[in-house]
Amino acid sequence: TAHKLPVVAVKRSNQPTDQGPDPGPCLYFFVVTHHRYGSP
């Protein structure tokens, strides 16, 4: 919104139900890895 792109959707990729690609501009995100750093 601050970059004057409020029409861009932001969605989690690889949803449990397949909805197909978004018809408009979209950013998709998903987790690649969780890495434990150091010791507890």
ModelCIF file with pLDDT and N, C-alpha, C, O atoms, coordinates in Angstrom:
data_MODEL
#
_entry.id   MODEL 
#
_entity.id                         1 
_entity.type                       polymer 
_entity.pdbx_number_of_molecules   1 
#
_entity_poly.entity_id                      1 
_entity_poly.type                           'polypeptide(L)' 
_entity_poly.nstd_linkage                   no 
_entity_poly.nstd_monomer                   no 
_entity_poly.pdbx_seq_one_letter_code       TAHKLPVVAVKRSNQPTDQGPDPGPCLYFFVVTHHRYGSP 
_entity_poly.pdbx_seq_one_letter_code_can   TAHKLPVVAVKRSNQPTDQGPDPGPCLYFFVVTHHRYGSP 
_entity_poly.pdbx_strand_id                 A 
#
loop_
_entity_poly_seq.entity_id 
_entity_poly_seq.num 
_entity_poly_seq.mon_id 
_entity_poly_seq.hetero 
1 1  THR n 
1 2  ALA n 
1 3  HIS n 
1 4  LYS n 
1 5  LEU n 
1 6  PRO n 
1 7  VAL n 
1 8  VAL n 
1 9  ALA n 
1 10 VAL n 
1 11 LYS n 
1 12 ARG n 
1 13 SER n 
1 14 ASN n 
1 15 GLN n 
1 16 PRO n 
1 17 THR n 
1 18 ASP n 
1 19 GLN n 
1 20 GLY n 
1 21 PRO n 
1 22 ASP n 
1 23 PRO n 
1 24 GLY n 
1 25 PRO n 
1 26 CYS n 
1 27 LEU n 
1 28 TYR n 
1 29 PHE n 
1 30 PHE n 
1 31 VAL n 
1 32 VAL n 
1 33 THR n 
1 34 HIS n 
1 35 HIS n 
1 36 ARG n 
1 37 TYR n 
1 38 GLY n 
1 39 SER n 
1 40 PRO n 
#
_struct_asym.id          A 
_struct_asym.entity_id   1 
#
loop_
_ma_qa_metric.id 
_ma_qa_metric.mode 
_ma_qa_metric.name 
_ma_qa_metric.software_group_id 
_ma_qa_metric.type 
1 global pLDDT . pLDDT 
2 local  pLDDT . pLDDT 
#
_ma_qa_metric_global.metric_id      1 
_ma_qa_metric_global.metric_value   86.55 
_ma_qa_metric_global.model_id       1 
_ma_qa_metric_global.ordinal_id     1 
#
loop_
_ma_qa_metric_local.label_asym_id 
_ma_qa_metric_local.label_comp_id 
_ma_qa_metric_local.label_seq_id 
_ma_qa_metric_local.metric_id 
_ma_qa_metric_local.metric_value 
_ma_qa_metric_local.model_id 
_ma_qa_metric_local.ordinal_id 
A THR 1  2 94.00 1 1  
A ALA 2  2 94.00 1 2  
A HIS 3  2 92.00 1 3  
A LYS 4  2 91.00 1 4  
A LEU 5  2 90.00 1 5  
A PRO 6  2 87.00 1 6  
A VAL 7  2 89.00 1 7  
A VAL 8  2 92.00 1 8  
A ALA 9  2 91.00 1 9  
A VAL 10 2 94.00 1 10 
A LYS 11 2 92.00 1 11 
A ARG 12 2 90.00 1 12 
A SER 13 2 88.00 1 13 
A ASN 14 2 78.00 1 14 
A GLN 15 2 73.00 1 15 
A PRO 16 2 71.00 1 16 
A THR 17 2 72.00 1 17 
A ASP 18 2 65.00 1 18 
A GLN 19 2 67.00 1 19 
A GLY 20 2 68.00 1 20 
A PRO 21 2 71.00 1 21 
A ASP 22 2 71.00 1 22 
A PRO 23 2 75.00 1 23 
A GLY 24 2 82.00 1 24 
A PRO 25 2 90.00 1 25 
A CYS 26 2 92.00 1 26 
A LEU 27 2 95.00 1 27 
A TYR 28 2 94.00 1 28 
A PHE 29 2 95.00 1 29 
A PHE 30 2 95.00 1 30 
A VAL 31 2 95.00 1 31 
A VAL 32 2 95.00 1 32 
A THR 33 2 95.00 1 33 
A HIS 34 2 93.00 1 34 
A HIS 35 2 94.00 1 35 
A ARG 36 2 92.00 1 36 
A TYR 37 2 90.00 1 37 
A GLY 38 2 89.00 1 38 
A SER 39 2 90.00 1 39 
A PRO 40 2 91.00 1 40 
#
loop_
_atom_site.group_PDB 
_atom_site.id 
_atom_site.type_symbol 
_atom_site.label_atom_id 
_atom_site.label_alt_id 
_atom_site.label_comp_id 
_atom_site.label_asym_id 
_atom_site.label_entity_id 
_atom_site.label_seq_id 
_atom_site.pdbx_PDB_ins_code 
_atom_site.Cartn_x 
_atom_site.Cartn_y 
_atom_site.Cartn_z 
_atom_site.occupancy 
_atom_site.B_iso_or_equiv 
_atom_site.pdbx_formal_charge 
_atom_site.auth_seq_id 
_atom_site.auth_comp_id 
_atom_site.auth_asym_id 
_atom_site.auth_atom_id 
_atom_site.pdbx_PDB_model_num 
ATOM 1   N N  . THR A 1 1  ? 0.842  -1.199  0.000   1.00 94.00 ? 1  THR A N  1 
ATOM 2   C CA . THR A 1 1  ? 0.000  0.000   0.000   1.00 94.00 ? 1  THR A CA 1 
ATOM 3   C C  . THR A 1 1  ? 0.877  1.249   0.000   1.00 94.00 ? 1  THR A C  1 
ATOM 4   O O  . THR A 1 1  ? 0.581  2.209   -0.711  1.00 94.00 ? 1  THR A O  1 
ATOM 5   N N  . ALA A 1 2  ? 1.942  1.247   0.783   1.00 94.00 ? 2  ALA A N  1 
ATOM 6   C CA . ALA A 1 2  ? 2.867  2.385   0.822   1.00 94.00 ? 2  ALA A CA 1 
ATOM 7   C C  . ALA A 1 2  ? 3.596  2.563   -0.513  1.00 94.00 ? 2  ALA A C  1 
ATOM 8   O O  . ALA A 1 2  ? 3.946  3.684   -0.879  1.00 94.00 ? 2  ALA A O  1 
ATOM 9   N N  . HIS A 1 3  ? 3.828  1.466   -1.242  1.00 92.00 ? 3  HIS A N  1 
ATOM 10  C CA . HIS A 1 3  ? 4.487  1.526   -2.551  1.00 92.00 ? 3  HIS A CA 1 
ATOM 11  C C  . HIS A 1 3  ? 3.490  1.760   -3.687  1.00 92.00 ? 3  HIS A C  1 
ATOM 12  O O  . HIS A 1 3  ? 3.828  1.626   -4.863  1.00 92.00 ? 3  HIS A O  1 
ATOM 13  N N  . LYS A 1 4  ? 2.262  2.109   -3.316  1.00 91.00 ? 4  LYS A N  1 
ATOM 14  C CA . LYS A 1 4  ? 1.185  2.398   -4.284  1.00 91.00 ? 4  LYS A CA 1 
ATOM 15  C C  . LYS A 1 4  ? 0.859  1.184   -5.159  1.00 91.00 ? 4  LYS A C  1 
ATOM 16  O O  . LYS A 1 4  ? 0.625  1.309   -6.361  1.00 91.00 ? 4  LYS A O  1 
ATOM 17  N N  . LEU A 1 5  ? 0.848  0.015   -4.529  1.00 90.00 ? 5  LEU A N  1 
ATOM 18  C CA . LEU A 1 5  ? 0.464  -1.237  -5.188  1.00 90.00 ? 5  LEU A CA 1 
ATOM 19  C C  . LEU A 1 5  ? -0.597 -1.967  -4.355  1.00 90.00 ? 5  LEU A C  1 
ATOM 20  O O  . LEU A 1 5  ? -0.411 -3.136  -4.017  1.00 90.00 ? 5  LEU A O  1 
ATOM 21  N N  . PRO A 1 6  ? -1.710 -1.294  -4.018  1.00 87.00 ? 6  PRO A N  1 
ATOM 22  C CA . PRO A 1 6  ? -2.699 -1.920  -3.131  1.00 87.00 ? 6  PRO A CA 1 
ATOM 23  C C  . PRO A 1 6  ? -3.497 -3.040  -3.781  1.00 87.00 ? 6  PRO A C  1 
ATOM 24  O O  . PRO A 1 6  ? -4.170 -3.797  -3.081  1.00 87.00 ? 6  PRO A O  1 
ATOM 25  N N  . VAL A 1 7  ? -3.438 -3.166  -5.109  1.00 89.00 ? 7  VAL A N  1 
ATOM 26  C CA . VAL A 1 7  ? -4.223 -4.204  -5.793  1.00 89.00 ? 7  VAL A CA 1 
ATOM 27  C C  . VAL A 1 7  ? -3.517 -5.558  -5.794  1.00 89.00 ? 7  VAL A C  1 
ATOM 28  O O  . VAL A 1 7  ? -4.088 -6.550  -6.248  1.00 89.00 ? 7  VAL A O  1 
ATOM 29  N N  . VAL A 1 8  ? -2.287 -5.611  -5.293  1.00 92.00 ? 8  VAL A N  1 
ATOM 30  C CA . VAL A 1 8  ? -1.526 -6.857  -5.284  1.00 92.00 ? 8  VAL A CA 1 
ATOM 31  C C  . VAL A 1 8  ? -1.986 -7.721  -4.105  1.00 92.00 ? 8  VAL A C  1 
ATOM 32  O O  . VAL A 1 8  ? -1.996 -7.272  -2.958  1.00 92.00 ? 8  VAL A O  1 
ATOM 33  N N  . ALA A 1 9  ? -2.362 -8.956  -4.405  1.00 91.00 ? 9  ALA A N  1 
ATOM 34  C CA . ALA A 1 9  ? -2.768 -9.901  -3.362  1.00 91.00 ? 9  ALA A CA 1 
ATOM 35  C C  . ALA A 1 9  ? -1.520 -10.558 -2.769  1.00 91.00 ? 9  ALA A C  1 
ATOM 36  O O  . ALA A 1 9  ? -0.500 -10.687 -3.445  1.00 91.00 ? 9  ALA A O  1 
ATOM 37  N N  . VAL A 1 10 ? -1.606 -10.966 -1.521  1.00 94.00 ? 10 VAL A N  1 
ATOM 38  C CA . VAL A 1 10 ? -0.517 -11.699 -0.861  1.00 94.00 ? 10 VAL A CA 1 
ATOM 39  C C  . VAL A 1 10 ? -1.139 -12.952 -0.269  1.00 94.00 ? 10 VAL A C  1 
ATOM 40  O O  . VAL A 1 10 ? -2.009 -12.879 0.599   1.00 94.00 ? 10 VAL A O  1 
ATOM 41  N N  . LYS A 1 11 ? -0.677 -14.118 -0.756  1.00 92.00 ? 11 LYS A N  1 
ATOM 42  C CA . LYS A 1 11 ? -1.284 -15.386 -0.347  1.00 92.00 ? 11 LYS A CA 1 
ATOM 43  C C  . LYS A 1 11 ? -0.228 -16.424 -0.018  1.00 92.00 ? 11 LYS A C  1 
ATOM 44  O O  . LYS A 1 11 ? 0.885  -16.401 -0.544  1.00 92.00 ? 11 LYS A O  1 
ATOM 45  N N  . ARG A 1 12 ? -0.606 -17.334 0.865   1.00 90.00 ? 12 ARG A N  1 
ATOM 46  C CA . ARG A 1 12 ? 0.262  -18.469 1.145   1.00 90.00 ? 12 ARG A CA 1 
ATOM 47  C C  . ARG A 1 12 ? 0.163  -19.432 -0.033  1.00 90.00 ? 12 ARG A C  1 
ATOM 48  O O  . ARG A 1 12 ? -0.934 -19.771 -0.477  1.00 90.00 ? 12 ARG A O  1 
ATOM 49  N N  . SER A 1 13 ? 1.298  -19.862 -0.527  1.00 88.00 ? 13 SER A N  1 
ATOM 50  C CA . SER A 1 13 ? 1.329  -20.805 -1.640  1.00 88.00 ? 13 SER A CA 1 
ATOM 51  C C  . SER A 1 13 ? 1.051  -22.215 -1.131  1.00 88.00 ? 13 SER A C  1 
ATOM 52  O O  . SER A 1 13 ? 1.121  -22.477 0.070   1.00 88.00 ? 13 SER A O  1 
ATOM 53  N N  . ASN A 1 14 ? 0.740  -23.108 -2.046  1.00 78.00 ? 14 ASN A N  1 
ATOM 54  C CA . ASN A 1 14 ? 0.523  -24.524 -1.715  1.00 78.00 ? 14 ASN A CA 1 
ATOM 55  C C  . ASN A 1 14 ? -0.564 -24.698 -0.653  1.00 78.00 ? 14 ASN A C  1 
ATOM 56  O O  . ASN A 1 14 ? -0.348 -25.341 0.374   1.00 78.00 ? 14 ASN A O  1 
ATOM 57  N N  . GLN A 1 15 ? -1.721 -24.120 -0.917  1.00 73.00 ? 15 GLN A N  1 
ATOM 58  C CA . GLN A 1 15 ? -2.856 -24.237 -0.004  1.00 73.00 ? 15 GLN A CA 1 
ATOM 59  C C  . GLN A 1 15 ? -3.370 -25.675 0.025   1.00 73.00 ? 15 GLN A C  1 
ATOM 60  O O  . GLN A 1 15 ? -3.142 -26.428 -0.922  1.00 73.00 ? 15 GLN A O  1 
ATOM 61  N N  . PRO A 1 16 ? -4.057 -26.063 1.094   1.00 71.00 ? 16 PRO A N  1 
ATOM 62  C CA . PRO A 1 16 ? -4.601 -27.420 1.169   1.00 71.00 ? 16 PRO A CA 1 
ATOM 63  C C  . PRO A 1 16 ? -5.625 -27.721 0.068   1.00 71.00 ? 16 PRO A C  1 
ATOM 64  O O  . PRO A 1 16 ? -5.767 -28.867 -0.360  1.00 71.00 ? 16 PRO A O  1 
ATOM 65  N N  . THR A 1 17 ? -6.334 -26.684 -0.383  1.00 72.00 ? 17 THR A N  1 
ATOM 66  C CA . THR A 1 17 ? -7.275 -26.880 -1.485  1.00 72.00 ? 17 THR A CA 1 
ATOM 67  C C  . THR A 1 17 ? -6.753 -26.122 -2.696  1.00 72.00 ? 17 THR A C  1 
ATOM 68  O O  . THR A 1 17 ? -6.286 -24.990 -2.573  1.00 72.00 ? 17 THR A O  1 
ATOM 69  N N  . ASP A 1 18 ? -6.831 -26.741 -3.852  1.00 65.00 ? 18 ASP A N  1 
ATOM 70  C CA . ASP A 1 18 ? -6.301 -26.148 -5.075  1.00 65.00 ? 18 ASP A CA 1 
ATOM 71  C C  . ASP A 1 18 ? -7.303 -25.150 -5.643  1.00 65.00 ? 18 ASP A C  1 
ATOM 72  O O  . ASP A 1 18 ? -8.391 -25.537 -6.069  1.00 65.00 ? 18 ASP A O  1 
ATOM 73  N N  . GLN A 1 19 ? -6.944 -23.880 -5.653  1.00 67.00 ? 19 GLN A N  1 
ATOM 74  C CA . GLN A 1 19 ? -7.829 -22.822 -6.147  1.00 67.00 ? 19 GLN A CA 1 
ATOM 75  C C  . GLN A 1 19 ? -7.371 -22.267 -7.485  1.00 67.00 ? 19 GLN A C  1 
ATOM 76  O O  . GLN A 1 19 ? -8.094 -21.486 -8.103  1.00 67.00 ? 19 GLN A O  1 
ATOM 77  N N  . GLY A 1 20 ? -6.193 -22.649 -7.946  1.00 68.00 ? 20 GLY A N  1 
ATOM 78  C CA . GLY A 1 20 ? -5.653 -22.108 -9.192  1.00 68.00 ? 20 GLY A CA 1 
ATOM 79  C C  . GLY A 1 20 ? -4.945 -20.795 -8.935  1.00 68.00 ? 20 GLY A C  1 
ATOM 80  O O  . GLY A 1 20 ? -5.019 -20.251 -7.834  1.00 68.00 ? 20 GLY A O  1 
ATOM 81  N N  . PRO A 1 21 ? -4.256 -20.280 -9.949  1.00 71.00 ? 21 PRO A N  1 
ATOM 82  C CA . PRO A 1 21 ? -3.518 -19.023 -9.759  1.00 71.00 ? 21 PRO A CA 1 
ATOM 83  C C  . PRO A 1 21 ? -4.465 -17.829 -9.627  1.00 71.00 ? 21 PRO A C  1 
ATOM 84  O O  . PRO A 1 21 ? -5.581 -17.835 -10.146 1.00 71.00 ? 21 PRO A O  1 
ATOM 85  N N  . ASP A 1 22 ? -3.993 -16.825 -8.930  1.00 71.00 ? 22 ASP A N  1 
ATOM 86  C CA . ASP A 1 22 ? -4.766 -15.601 -8.765  1.00 71.00 ? 22 ASP A CA 1 
ATOM 87  C C  . ASP A 1 22 ? -4.823 -14.882 -10.113 1.00 71.00 ? 22 ASP A C  1 
ATOM 88  O O  . ASP A 1 22 ? -3.801 -14.814 -10.796 1.00 71.00 ? 22 ASP A O  1 
ATOM 89  N N  . PRO A 1 23 ? -5.984 -14.339 -10.527 1.00 75.00 ? 23 PRO A N  1 
ATOM 90  C CA . PRO A 1 23 ? -6.079 -13.683 -11.840 1.00 75.00 ? 23 PRO A CA 1 
ATOM 91  C C  . PRO A 1 23 ? -5.312 -12.364 -11.926 1.00 75.00 ? 23 PRO A C  1 
ATOM 92  O O  . PRO A 1 23 ? -4.922 -11.946 -13.016 1.00 75.00 ? 23 PRO A O  1 
ATOM 93  N N  . GLY A 1 24 ? -5.097 -11.713 -10.797 1.00 82.00 ? 24 GLY A N  1 
ATOM 94  C CA . GLY A 1 24 ? -4.396 -10.432 -10.798 1.00 82.00 ? 24 GLY A CA 1 
ATOM 95  C C  . GLY A 1 24 ? -2.978 -10.588 -10.295 1.00 82.00 ? 24 GLY A C  1 
ATOM 96  O O  . GLY A 1 24 ? -2.522 -11.709 -10.067 1.00 82.00 ? 24 GLY A O  1 
ATOM 97  N N  . PRO A 1 25 ? -2.268 -9.474  -10.117 1.00 90.00 ? 25 PRO A N  1 
ATOM 98  C CA . PRO A 1 25 ? -0.909 -9.557  -9.570  1.00 90.00 ? 25 PRO A CA 1 
ATOM 99  C C  . PRO A 1 25 ? -0.950 -10.102 -8.143  1.00 90.00 ? 25 PRO A C  1 
ATOM 100 O O  . PRO A 1 25 ? -1.803 -9.732  -7.336  1.00 90.00 ? 25 PRO A O  1 
ATOM 101 N N  . CYS A 1 26 ? -0.006 -10.989 -7.862  1.00 92.00 ? 26 CYS A N  1 
ATOM 102 C CA . CYS A 1 26 ? -0.033 -11.659 -6.565  1.00 92.00 ? 26 CYS A CA 1 
ATOM 103 C C  . CYS A 1 26 ? 1.378  -12.032 -6.110  1.00 92.00 ? 26 CYS A C  1 
ATOM 104 O O  . CYS A 1 26 ? 2.241  -12.364 -6.923  1.00 92.00 ? 26 CYS A O  1 
ATOM 105 N N  . LEU A 1 27 ? 1.592  -11.971 -4.814  1.00 95.00 ? 27 LEU A N  1 
ATOM 106 C CA . LEU A 1 27 ? 2.800  -12.495 -4.188  1.00 95.00 ? 27 LEU A CA 1 
ATOM 107 C C  . LEU A 1 27 ? 2.401  -13.750 -3.419  1.00 95.00 ? 27 LEU A C  1 
ATOM 108 O O  . LEU A 1 27 ? 1.452  -13.733 -2.636  1.00 95.00 ? 27 LEU A O  1 
ATOM 109 N N  . TYR A 1 28 ? 3.131  -14.833 -3.648  1.00 94.00 ? 28 TYR A N  1 
ATOM 110 C CA . TYR A 1 28 ? 2.900  -16.084 -2.939  1.00 94.00 ? 28 TYR A CA 1 
ATOM 111 C C  . TYR A 1 28 ? 4.101  -16.348 -2.030  1.00 94.00 ? 28 TYR A C  1 
ATOM 112 O O  . TYR A 1 28 ? 5.233  -16.014 -2.381  1.00 94.00 ? 28 TYR A O  1 
ATOM 113 N N  . PHE A 1 29 ? 3.856  -16.940 -0.875  1.00 95.00 ? 29 PHE A N  1 
ATOM 114 C CA . PHE A 1 29 ? 4.962  -17.278 0.018   1.00 95.00 ? 29 PHE A CA 1 
ATOM 115 C C  . PHE A 1 29 ? 4.727  -18.654 0.635   1.00 95.00 ? 29 PHE A C  1 
ATOM 116 O O  . PHE A 1 29 ? 3.589  -19.083 0.827   1.00 95.00 ? 29 PHE A O  1 
ATOM 117 N N  . PHE A 1 30 ? 5.831  -19.334 0.941   1.00 95.00 ? 30 PHE A N  1 
ATOM 118 C CA . PHE A 1 30 ? 5.753  -20.603 1.662   1.00 95.00 ? 30 PHE A CA 1 
ATOM 119 C C  . PHE A 1 30 ? 7.045  -20.836 2.423   1.00 95.00 ? 30 PHE A C  1 
ATOM 120 O O  . PHE A 1 30 ? 8.090  -20.289 2.070   1.00 95.00 ? 30 PHE A O  1 
ATOM 121 N N  . VAL A 1 31 ? 6.971  -21.652 3.470   1.00 95.00 ? 31 VAL A N  1 
ATOM 122 C CA . VAL A 1 31 ? 8.138  -21.970 4.283   1.00 95.00 ? 31 VAL A CA 1 
ATOM 123 C C  . VAL A 1 31 ? 8.986  -23.004 3.559   1.00 95.00 ? 31 VAL A C  1 
ATOM 124 O O  . VAL A 1 31 ? 8.485  -24.034 3.110   1.00 95.00 ? 31 VAL A O  1 
ATOM 125 N N  . VAL A 1 32 ? 10.288 -22.711 3.451   1.00 95.00 ? 32 VAL A N  1 
ATOM 126 C CA . VAL A 1 32 ? 11.236 -23.644 2.852   1.00 95.00 ? 32 VAL A CA 1 
ATOM 127 C C  . VAL A 1 32 ? 11.874 -24.492 3.947   1.00 95.00 ? 32 VAL A C  1 
ATOM 128 O O  . VAL A 1 32 ? 11.918 -25.717 3.831   1.00 95.00 ? 32 VAL A O  1 
ATOM 129 N N  . THR A 1 33 ? 12.373 -23.853 5.016   1.00 95.00 ? 33 THR A N  1 
ATOM 130 C CA . THR A 1 33 ? 13.017 -24.589 6.116   1.00 95.00 ? 33 THR A CA 1 
ATOM 131 C C  . THR A 1 33 ? 12.796 -23.893 7.454   1.00 95.00 ? 33 THR A C  1 
ATOM 132 O O  . THR A 1 33 ? 12.570 -22.686 7.528   1.00 95.00 ? 33 THR A O  1 
ATOM 133 N N  . HIS A 1 34 ? 12.870 -24.698 8.503   1.00 93.00 ? 34 HIS A N  1 
ATOM 134 C CA . HIS A 1 34 ? 12.984 -24.214 9.885   1.00 93.00 ? 34 HIS A CA 1 
ATOM 135 C C  . HIS A 1 34 ? 14.313 -24.769 10.377  1.00 93.00 ? 34 HIS A C  1 
ATOM 136 O O  . HIS A 1 34 ? 14.512 -25.984 10.382  1.00 93.00 ? 34 HIS A O  1 
ATOM 137 N N  . HIS A 1 35 ? 15.213 -23.901 10.787  1.00 94.00 ? 35 HIS A N  1 
ATOM 138 C CA . HIS A 1 35 ? 16.534 -24.331 11.238  1.00 94.00 ? 35 HIS A CA 1 
ATOM 139 C C  . HIS A 1 35 ? 16.728 -23.904 12.684  1.00 94.00 ? 35 HIS A C  1 
ATOM 140 O O  . HIS A 1 35 ? 16.629 -22.720 13.009  1.00 94.00 ? 35 HIS A O  1 
ATOM 141 N N  . ARG A 1 36 ? 17.006 -24.875 13.552  1.00 92.00 ? 36 ARG A N  1 
ATOM 142 C CA . ARG A 1 36 ? 17.310 -24.549 14.952  1.00 92.00 ? 36 ARG A CA 1 
ATOM 143 C C  . ARG A 1 36 ? 18.737 -24.018 15.006  1.00 92.00 ? 36 ARG A C  1 
ATOM 144 O O  . ARG A 1 36 ? 19.654 -24.623 14.449  1.00 92.00 ? 36 ARG A O  1 
ATOM 145 N N  . TYR A 1 37 ? 18.919 -22.895 15.674  1.00 90.00 ? 37 TYR A N  1 
ATOM 146 C CA . TYR A 1 37 ? 20.233 -22.264 15.750  1.00 90.00 ? 37 TYR A CA 1 
ATOM 147 C C  . TYR A 1 37 ? 20.746 -22.364 17.178  1.00 90.00 ? 37 TYR A C  1 
ATOM 148 O O  . TYR A 1 37 ? 20.062 -21.954 18.116  1.00 90.00 ? 37 TYR A O  1 
ATOM 149 N N  . GLY A 1 38 ? 21.943 -22.906 17.347  1.00 89.00 ? 38 GLY A N  1 
ATOM 150 C CA . GLY A 1 38 ? 22.525 -23.037 18.680  1.00 89.00 ? 38 GLY A CA 1 
ATOM 151 C C  . GLY A 1 38 ? 21.860 -24.147 19.468  1.00 89.00 ? 38 GLY A C  1 
ATOM 152 O O  . GLY A 1 38 ? 21.283 -25.075 18.902  1.00 89.00 ? 38 GLY A O  1 
ATOM 153 N N  . SER A 1 39 ? 21.950 -24.037 20.783  1.00 90.00 ? 39 SER A N  1 
ATOM 154 C CA . SER A 1 39 ? 21.333 -25.040 21.647  1.00 90.00 ? 39 SER A CA 1 
ATOM 155 C C  . SER A 1 39 ? 20.300 -24.354 22.534  1.00 90.00 ? 39 SER A C  1 
ATOM 156 O O  . SER A 1 39 ? 20.370 -23.144 22.753  1.00 90.00 ? 39 SER A O  1 
ATOM 157 N N  . PRO A 1 40 ? 19.342 -25.126 23.045  1.00 91.00 ? 40 PRO A N  1 
ATOM 158 C CA . PRO A 1 40 ? 18.280 -24.517 23.847  1.00 91.00 ? 40 PRO A CA 1 
ATOM 159 C C  . PRO A 1 40 ? 18.805 -23.903 25.145  1.00 91.00 ? 40 PRO A C  1 
ATOM 160 O O  . PRO A 1 40 ? 18.030 -23.352 25.926  1.00 91.00 ? 40 PRO A O  1 
#
